């Protein structure tokens, strides 16, 4: 009943020759998450970024899989 949808932009960087996950940025809606992810990649020069959503129900402790909205640049295998 207390289901919450979170929208997140997540950057990736090259660290010691490998792609590493950066700090996630929570966004108010899917459009903002996509724009933020694109900005992280194009403007701030990260190796890549993704925008995703995730539905969670904290009352029962259920966390559904992430739903990929958009992918930019180079990201980890999980988001390909």
C-alpha atoms as a PDB file:
ATOM      1  CA  UNK A   1       0.000   0.000   0.000  1.00  0.00           C
ATOM      2  CA  UNK A   2       2.870   2.401   0.690  1.00  0.00           C
ATOM      3  CA  UNK A   3       4.444   1.848  -2.715  1.00  0.00           C
ATOM      4  CA  UNK A   4       6.946   4.530  -3.713  1.00  0.00           C
ATOM      5  CA  UNK A   5       8.513   5.126  -7.125  1.00  0.00           C
ATOM      6  CA  UNK A   6      12.010   6.589  -7.062  1.00  0.00           C
ATOM      7  CA  UNK A   7      13.658   8.158 -10.100  1.00  0.00           C
ATOM      8  CA  UNK A   8      17.454   8.242 -10.108  1.00  0.00           C
ATOM      9  CA  UNK A   9      20.303   9.529 -12.286  1.00  0.00           C
ATOM     10  CA  UNK A  10      23.512   7.572 -11.751  1.00  0.00           C
ATOM     11  CA  UNK A  11      26.940   8.625 -13.131  1.00  0.00           C
ATOM     12  CA  UNK A  12      29.865   6.345 -13.975  1.00  0.00           C
ATOM     13  CA  UNK A  13      33.564   7.224 -14.084  1.00  0.00           C
ATOM     14  CA  UNK A  14      36.822   5.563 -15.095  1.00  0.00           C
ATOM     15  CA  UNK A  15      38.826   4.612 -12.003  1.00  0.00           C
ATOM     16  CA  UNK A  16      42.082   2.667 -12.387  1.00  0.00           C
ATOM     17  CA  UNK A  17      41.087   1.539 -15.879  1.00  0.00           C
ATOM     18  CA  UNK A  18      37.653   0.267 -14.807  1.00  0.00           C
ATOM     19  CA  UNK A  19      34.191   1.798 -14.795  1.00  0.00           C
ATOM     20  CA  UNK A  20      33.029   2.715 -11.297  1.00  0.00           C
ATOM     21  CA  UNK A  21      29.613   3.820 -10.064  1.00  0.00           C
ATOM     22  CA  UNK A  22      29.280   7.406  -8.853  1.00  0.00           C
ATOM     23  CA  UNK A  23      26.902   8.993  -6.362  1.00  0.00           C
ATOM     24  CA  UNK A  24      23.186   8.568  -7.252  1.00  0.00           C
ATOM     25  CA  UNK A  25      21.005  11.660  -7.655  1.00  0.00           C
ATOM     26  CA  UNK A  26      17.316  11.360  -6.755  1.00  0.00           C
ATOM     27  CA  UNK A  27      14.957  13.154  -9.140  1.00  0.00           C
ATOM     28  CA  UNK A  28      11.277  14.128  -8.863  1.00  0.00           C
ATOM     29  CA  UNK A  29      10.112  12.510 -12.126  1.00  0.00           C
ATOM     30  CA  UNK A  30      11.381  10.408 -15.066  1.00  0.00           C
ATOM     31  CA  UNK A  31      11.953  13.374 -17.383  1.00  0.00           C
ATOM     32  CA  UNK A  32      14.193  15.101 -14.868  1.00  0.00           C
ATOM     33  CA  UNK A  33      16.093  11.861 -14.238  1.00  0.00           C
ATOM     34  CA  UNK A  34      16.790  11.491 -17.977  1.00  0.00           C
ATOM     35  CA  UNK A  35      17.861  15.134 -18.357  1.00  0.00           C
ATOM     36  CA  UNK A  36      20.068  14.899 -15.284  1.00  0.00           C
ATOM     37  CA  UNK A  37      21.714  11.687 -16.537  1.00  0.00           C
ATOM     38  CA  UNK A  38      22.374  13.259 -19.942  1.00  0.00           C
ATOM     39  CA  UNK A  39      23.857  16.345 -18.280  1.00  0.00           C
ATOM     40  CA  UNK A  40      26.102  14.208 -16.085  1.00  0.00           C
ATOM     41  CA  UNK A  41      27.471  12.543 -19.200  1.00  0.00           C
ATOM     42  CA  UNK A  42      27.703  15.495 -21.613  1.00  0.00           C
ATOM     43  CA  UNK A  43      28.318  18.490 -19.385  1.00  0.00           C
ATOM     44  CA  UNK A  44      30.219  17.095 -16.423  1.00  0.00           C
ATOM     45  CA  UNK A  45      32.322  14.630 -18.424  1.00  0.00           C
ATOM     46  CA  UNK A  46      31.559  11.353 -16.685  1.00  0.00           C
ATOM     47  CA  UNK A  47      32.277   8.160 -18.655  1.00  0.00           C
ATOM     48  CA  UNK A  48      28.536   7.524 -18.804  1.00  0.00           C
ATOM     49  CA  UNK A  49      25.290   7.662 -16.881  1.00  0.00           C
ATOM     50  CA  UNK A  50      21.871   6.072 -16.613  1.00  0.00           C
ATOM     51  CA  UNK A  51      18.412   7.134 -15.546  1.00  0.00           C
ATOM     52  CA  UNK A  52      16.262   4.494 -13.887  1.00  0.00           C
ATOM     53  CA  UNK A  53      13.191   4.041 -11.735  1.00  0.00           C
ATOM     54  CA  UNK A  54      12.534   1.612  -8.920  1.00  0.00           C
ATOM     55  CA  UNK A  55       9.306   0.795  -7.125  1.00  0.00           C
ATOM     56  CA  UNK A  56       9.579  -0.032  -3.444  1.00  0.00           C
ATOM     57  CA  UNK A  57       7.121  -0.959  -0.735  1.00  0.00           C
ATOM     58  CA  UNK A  58       8.716  -0.150   2.613  1.00  0.00           C
ATOM     59  CA  UNK A  59       5.840  -1.600   4.665  1.00  0.00           C
ATOM     60  CA  UNK A  60       6.622  -5.128   3.509  1.00  0.00           C
ATOM     61  CA  UNK A  61      10.295  -4.518   2.691  1.00  0.00           C
ATOM     62  CA  UNK A  62       9.966  -5.257  -1.029  1.00  0.00           C
ATOM     63  CA  UNK A  63      12.310  -3.571  -3.488  1.00  0.00           C
ATOM     64  CA  UNK A  64      11.556  -4.281  -7.150  1.00  0.00           C
ATOM     65  CA  UNK A  65      14.172  -4.403  -9.885  1.00  0.00           C
ATOM     66  CA  UNK A  66      15.328  -1.197 -11.485  1.00  0.00           C
ATOM     67  CA  UNK A  67      13.656  -0.138 -14.727  1.00  0.00           C
ATOM     68  CA  UNK A  68      16.182   1.495 -17.069  1.00  0.00           C
ATOM     69  CA  UNK A  69      14.846   4.721 -18.598  1.00  0.00           C
ATOM     70  CA  UNK A  70      17.918   5.846 -20.623  1.00  0.00           C
ATOM     71  CA  UNK A  71      21.607   5.055 -20.901  1.00  0.00           C
ATOM     72  CA  UNK A  72      24.375   7.448 -21.995  1.00  0.00           C
ATOM     73  CA  UNK A  73      28.036   6.659 -22.716  1.00  0.00           C
ATOM     74  CA  UNK A  74      29.914   3.824 -21.033  1.00  0.00           C
ATOM     75  CA  UNK A  75      28.302   2.104 -18.068  1.00  0.00           C
ATOM     76  CA  UNK A  76      28.752  -1.107 -16.084  1.00  0.00           C
ATOM     77  CA  UNK A  77      27.531  -4.436 -17.414  1.00  0.00           C
ATOM     78  CA  UNK A  78      24.462  -4.295 -15.162  1.00  0.00           C
ATOM     79  CA  UNK A  79      23.027  -1.386 -17.172  1.00  0.00           C
ATOM     80  CA  UNK A  80      23.838  -2.615 -20.700  1.00  0.00           C
END
